[in-house]
Amino acid sequence: MKYRSRTEIVSMILEAANGGATKTRIMYKAFLSYAQLREYLAVLIENNLL
């Protein structure tokens, strides 16, 4: 898999979470580790995107 920008990763998280999803589902759809997912979710929640 190629390197992805933060923007691409955030986009994948938002697409996966659209309509509701568990953390595990988002993690698998965005191809992230749990540690990475926690960091991104914290930022997205802080900015009211999730």
PDB file of N, CA and C in Angstrom:
ATOM      1  N   MET A   1       0.842  -1.182   0.000  1.00  0.00           N
ATOM      2  CA  MET A   1       0.000   0.000   0.000  1.00  0.00           C
ATOM      3  C   MET A   1       0.887   1.244   0.000  1.00  0.00           C
ATOM      4  N   LYS A   2       0.500   2.233  -0.774  1.00  0.00           N
ATOM      5  CA  LYS A   2       1.288   3.461  -0.865  1.00  0.00           C
ATOM      6  C   LYS A   2       1.083   4.313   0.384  1.00  0.00           C
ATOM      7  N   TYR A   3       1.982   5.249   0.581  1.00  0.00           N
ATOM      8  CA  TYR A   3       1.836   6.178   1.690  1.00  0.00           C
ATOM      9  C   TYR A   3       0.635   7.071   1.434  1.00  0.00           C
ATOM     10  N   ARG A   4      -0.105   7.361   2.502  1.00  0.00           N
ATOM     11  CA  ARG A   4      -1.300   8.190   2.370  1.00  0.00           C
ATOM     12  C   ARG A   4      -1.123   9.485   3.146  1.00  0.00           C
ATOM     13  N   SER A   5      -1.731  10.535   2.655  1.00  0.00           N
ATOM     14  CA  SER A   5      -1.688  11.806   3.372  1.00  0.00           C
ATOM     15  C   SER A   5      -2.711  11.759   4.505  1.00  0.00           C
ATOM     16  N   ARG A   6      -2.565  12.676   5.430  1.00  0.00           N
ATOM     17  CA  ARG A   6      -3.520  12.763   6.537  1.00  0.00           C
ATOM     18  C   ARG A   6      -4.931  13.019   5.997  1.00  0.00           C
ATOM     19  N   THR A   7      -5.003  13.819   4.941  1.00  0.00           N
ATOM     20  CA  THR A   7      -6.297  14.139   4.340  1.00  0.00           C
ATOM     21  C   THR A   7      -6.976  12.886   3.803  1.00  0.00           C
ATOM     22  N   GLU A   8      -6.218  12.032   3.139  1.00  0.00           N
ATOM     23  CA  GLU A   8      -6.774  10.779   2.612  1.00  0.00           C
ATOM     24  C   GLU A   8      -7.272   9.888   3.748  1.00  0.00           C
ATOM     25  N   ILE A   9      -6.501   9.818   4.823  1.00  0.00           N
ATOM     26  CA  ILE A   9      -6.877   8.973   5.955  1.00  0.00           C
ATOM     27  C   ILE A   9      -8.142   9.504   6.616  1.00  0.00           C
ATOM     28  N   VAL A  10      -8.208  10.817   6.834  1.00  0.00           N
ATOM     29  CA  VAL A  10      -9.403  11.420   7.432  1.00  0.00           C
ATOM     30  C   VAL A  10     -10.614  11.167   6.543  1.00  0.00           C
ATOM     31  N   SER A  11     -10.439  11.291   5.240  1.00  0.00           N
ATOM     32  CA  SER A  11     -11.523  11.035   4.300  1.00  0.00           C
ATOM     33  C   SER A  11     -12.031   9.599   4.424  1.00  0.00           C
ATOM     34  N   MET A  12     -11.110   8.656   4.516  1.00  0.00           N
ATOM     35  CA  MET A  12     -11.502   7.248   4.645  1.00  0.00           C
ATOM     36  C   MET A  12     -12.241   6.999   5.957  1.00  0.00           C
ATOM     37  N   ILE A  13     -11.800   7.642   7.038  1.00  0.00           N
ATOM     38  CA  ILE A  13     -12.465   7.491   8.336  1.00  0.00           C
ATOM     39  C   ILE A  13     -13.880   8.040   8.258  1.00  0.00           C
ATOM     40  N   LEU A  14     -14.034   9.227   7.690  1.00  0.00           N
ATOM     41  CA  LEU A  14     -15.360   9.844   7.596  1.00  0.00           C
ATOM     42  C   LEU A  14     -16.299   9.028   6.709  1.00  0.00           C
ATOM     43  N   GLU A  15     -15.781   8.492   5.618  1.00  0.00           N
ATOM     44  CA  GLU A  15     -16.600   7.636   4.753  1.00  0.00           C
ATOM     45  C   GLU A  15     -17.031   6.377   5.498  1.00  0.00           C
ATOM     46  N   ALA A  16     -16.112   5.781   6.234  1.00  0.00           N
ATOM     47  CA  ALA A  16     -16.419   4.552   6.967  1.00  0.00           C
ATOM     48  C   ALA A  16     -17.421   4.809   8.086  1.00  0.00           C
ATOM     49  N   ALA A  17     -17.345   5.988   8.704  1.00  0.00           N
ATOM     50  CA  ALA A  17     -18.211   6.309   9.839  1.00  0.00           C
ATOM     51  C   ALA A  17     -19.573   6.850   9.411  1.00  0.00           C
ATOM     52  N   ASN A  18     -19.726   7.190   8.149  1.00  0.00           N
ATOM     53  CA  ASN A  18     -20.977   7.760   7.656  1.00  0.00           C
ATOM     54  C   ASN A  18     -22.136   6.802   7.921  1.00  0.00           C
ATOM     55  N   GLY A  19     -23.144   7.292   8.633  1.00  0.00           N
ATOM     56  CA  GLY A  19     -24.298   6.462   8.938  1.00  0.00           C
ATOM     57  C   GLY A  19     -24.129   5.627  10.194  1.00  0.00           C
ATOM     58  N   GLY A  20     -22.986   5.749  10.850  1.00  0.00           N
ATOM     59  CA  GLY A  20     -22.744   5.018  12.093  1.00  0.00           C
ATOM     60  C   GLY A  20     -21.924   3.766  11.870  1.00  0.00           C
ATOM     61  N   ALA A  21     -20.927   3.585  12.700  1.00  0.00           N
ATOM     62  CA  ALA A  21     -20.067   2.401  12.608  1.00  0.00           C
ATOM     63  C   ALA A  21     -19.299   2.252  13.914  1.00  0.00           C
ATOM     64  N   THR A  22     -18.890   1.042  14.200  1.00  0.00           N
ATOM     65  CA  THR A  22     -18.074   0.804  15.386  1.00  0.00           C
ATOM     66  C   THR A  22     -16.630   1.200  15.098  1.00  0.00           C
ATOM     67  N   LYS A  23     -15.858   1.344  16.167  1.00  0.00           N
ATOM     68  CA  LYS A  23     -14.441   1.676  15.992  1.00  0.00           C
ATOM     69  C   LYS A  23     -13.740   0.595  15.184  1.00  0.00           C
ATOM     70  N   THR A  24     -14.088  -0.645  15.448  1.00  0.00           N
ATOM     71  CA  THR A  24     -13.456  -1.759  14.737  1.00  0.00           C
ATOM     72  C   THR A  24     -13.760  -1.687  13.249  1.00  0.00           C
ATOM     73  N   ARG A  25     -14.997  -1.407  12.908  1.00  0.00           N
ATOM     74  CA  ARG A  25     -15.392  -1.312  11.497  1.00  0.00           C
ATOM     75  C   ARG A  25     -14.631  -0.188  10.801  1.00  0.00           C
ATOM     76  N   ILE A  26     -14.536   0.962  11.470  1.00  0.00           N
ATOM     77  CA  ILE A  26     -13.799   2.098  10.899  1.00  0.00           C
ATOM     78  C   ILE A  26     -12.333   1.732  10.719  1.00  0.00           C
ATOM     79  N   MET A  27     -11.774   1.082  11.725  1.00  0.00           N
ATOM     80  CA  MET A  27     -10.368   0.682  11.698  1.00  0.00           C
ATOM     81  C   MET A  27     -10.077  -0.201  10.490  1.00  0.00           C
ATOM     82  N   TYR A  28     -10.915  -1.192  10.245  1.00  0.00           N
ATOM     83  CA  TYR A  28     -10.699  -2.109   9.119  1.00  0.00           C
ATOM     84  C   TYR A  28     -10.911  -1.425   7.773  1.00  0.00           C
ATOM     85  N   LYS A  29     -11.940  -0.588   7.673  1.00  0.00           N
ATOM     86  CA  LYS A  29     -12.216   0.072   6.391  1.00  0.00           C
ATOM     87  C   LYS A  29     -11.159   1.111   6.033  1.00  0.00           C
ATOM     88  N   ALA A  30     -10.562   1.752   7.044  1.00  0.00           N
ATOM     89  CA  ALA A  30      -9.555   2.783   6.790  1.00  0.00           C
ATOM     90  C   ALA A  30      -8.136   2.217   6.837  1.00  0.00           C
ATOM     91  N   PHE A  31      -8.009   0.927   7.105  1.00  0.00           N
ATOM     92  CA  PHE A  31      -6.695   0.263   7.179  1.00  0.00           C
ATOM     93  C   PHE A  31      -5.772   0.935   8.193  1.00  0.00           C
ATOM     94  N   LEU A  32      -6.267   1.087   9.436  1.00  0.00           N
ATOM     95  CA  LEU A  32      -5.491   1.728  10.496  1.00  0.00           C
ATOM     96  C   LEU A  32      -5.320   0.787  11.674  1.00  0.00           C
ATOM     97  N   SER A  33      -4.267   1.007  12.441  1.00  0.00           N
ATOM     98  CA  SER A  33      -4.105   0.287  13.700  1.00  0.00           C
ATOM     99  C   SER A  33      -5.002   0.979  14.729  1.00  0.00           C
ATOM    100  N   TYR A  34      -5.212   0.324  15.868  1.00  0.00           N
ATOM    101  CA  TYR A  34      -6.063   0.914  16.897  1.00  0.00           C
ATOM    102  C   TYR A  34      -5.442   2.205  17.431  1.00  0.00           C
ATOM    103  N   ALA A  35      -4.124   2.221  17.605  1.00  0.00           N
ATOM    104  CA  ALA A  35      -3.440   3.420  18.102  1.00  0.00           C
ATOM    105  C   ALA A  35      -3.622   4.592  17.132  1.00  0.00           C
ATOM    106  N   GLN A  36      -3.481   4.327  15.839  1.00  0.00           N
ATOM    107  CA  GLN A  36      -3.667   5.380  14.833  1.00  0.00           C
ATOM    108  C   GLN A  36      -5.111   5.872  14.846  1.00  0.00           C
ATOM    109  N   LEU A  37      -6.045   4.938  14.926  1.00  0.00           N
ATOM    110  CA  LEU A  37      -7.461   5.298  14.925  1.00  0.00           C
ATOM    111  C   LEU A  37      -7.787   6.205  16.103  1.00  0.00           C
ATOM    112  N   ARG A  38      -7.275   5.881  17.292  1.00  0.00           N
ATOM    113  CA  ARG A  38      -7.534   6.703  18.478  1.00  0.00           C
ATOM    114  C   ARG A  38      -7.057   8.133  18.266  1.00  0.00           C
ATOM    115  N   GLU A  39      -5.876   8.302  17.690  1.00  0.00           N
ATOM    116  CA  GLU A  39      -5.346   9.651  17.449  1.00  0.00           C
ATOM    117  C   GLU A  39      -6.244  10.430  16.492  1.00  0.00           C
ATOM    118  N   TYR A  40      -6.608   9.796  15.383  1.00  0.00           N
ATOM    119  CA  TYR A  40      -7.446  10.481  14.394  1.00  0.00           C
ATOM    120  C   TYR A  40      -8.838  10.770  14.950  1.00  0.00           C
ATOM    121  N   LEU A  41      -9.427   9.841  15.676  1.00  0.00           N
ATOM    122  CA  LEU A  41     -10.757  10.070  16.237  1.00  0.00           C
ATOM    123  C   LEU A  41     -10.743  11.222  17.223  1.00  0.00           C
ATOM    124  N   ALA A  42      -9.697  11.315  18.034  1.00  0.00           N
ATOM    125  CA  ALA A  42      -9.595  12.416  18.997  1.00  0.00           C
ATOM    126  C   ALA A  42      -9.604  13.763  18.276  1.00  0.00           C
ATOM    127  N   VAL A  43      -8.850  13.871  17.208  1.00  0.00           N
ATOM    128  CA  VAL A  43      -8.787  15.124  16.441  1.00  0.00           C
ATOM    129  C   VAL A  43     -10.130  15.412  15.774  1.00  0.00           C
ATOM    130  N   LEU A  44     -10.741  14.398  15.186  1.00  0.00           N
ATOM    131  CA  LEU A  44     -12.021  14.595  14.496  1.00  0.00           C
ATOM    132  C   LEU A  44     -13.130  14.983  15.471  1.00  0.00           C
ATOM    133  N   ILE A  45     -13.152  14.360  16.632  1.00  0.00           N
ATOM    134  CA  ILE A  45     -14.168  14.687  17.638  1.00  0.00           C
ATOM    135  C   ILE A  45     -13.936  16.094  18.181  1.00  0.00           C
ATOM    136  N   GLU A  46     -12.673  16.434  18.416  1.00  0.00           N
ATOM    137  CA  GLU A  46     -12.323  17.768  18.915  1.00  0.00           C
ATOM    138  C   GLU A  46     -12.787  18.860  17.956  1.00  0.00           C
ATOM    139  N   ASN A  47     -12.748  18.571  16.661  1.00  0.00           N
ATOM    140  CA  ASN A  47     -13.155  19.542  15.641  1.00  0.00           C
ATOM    141  C   ASN A  47     -14.601  19.353  15.188  1.00  0.00           C
ATOM    142  N   ASN A  48     -15.362  18.583  15.956  1.00  0.00           N
ATOM    143  CA  ASN A  48     -16.788  18.348  15.689  1.00  0.00           C
ATOM    144  C   ASN A  48     -17.063  17.781  14.304  1.00  0.00           C
ATOM    145  N   LEU A  49     -16.159  16.945  13.806  1.00  0.00           N
ATOM    146  CA  LEU A  49     -16.383  16.288  12.519  1.00  0.00           C
ATOM    147  C   LEU A  49     -17.021  14.915  12.710  1.00  0.00           C
ATOM    148  N   LEU A  50     -16.951  14.404  13.924  1.00  0.00           N
ATOM    149  CA  LEU A  50     -17.617  13.132  14.260  1.00  0.00           C
ATOM    150  C   LEU A  50     -18.465  13.334  15.493  1.00  0.00           C
TER     151      LEU A  50
END
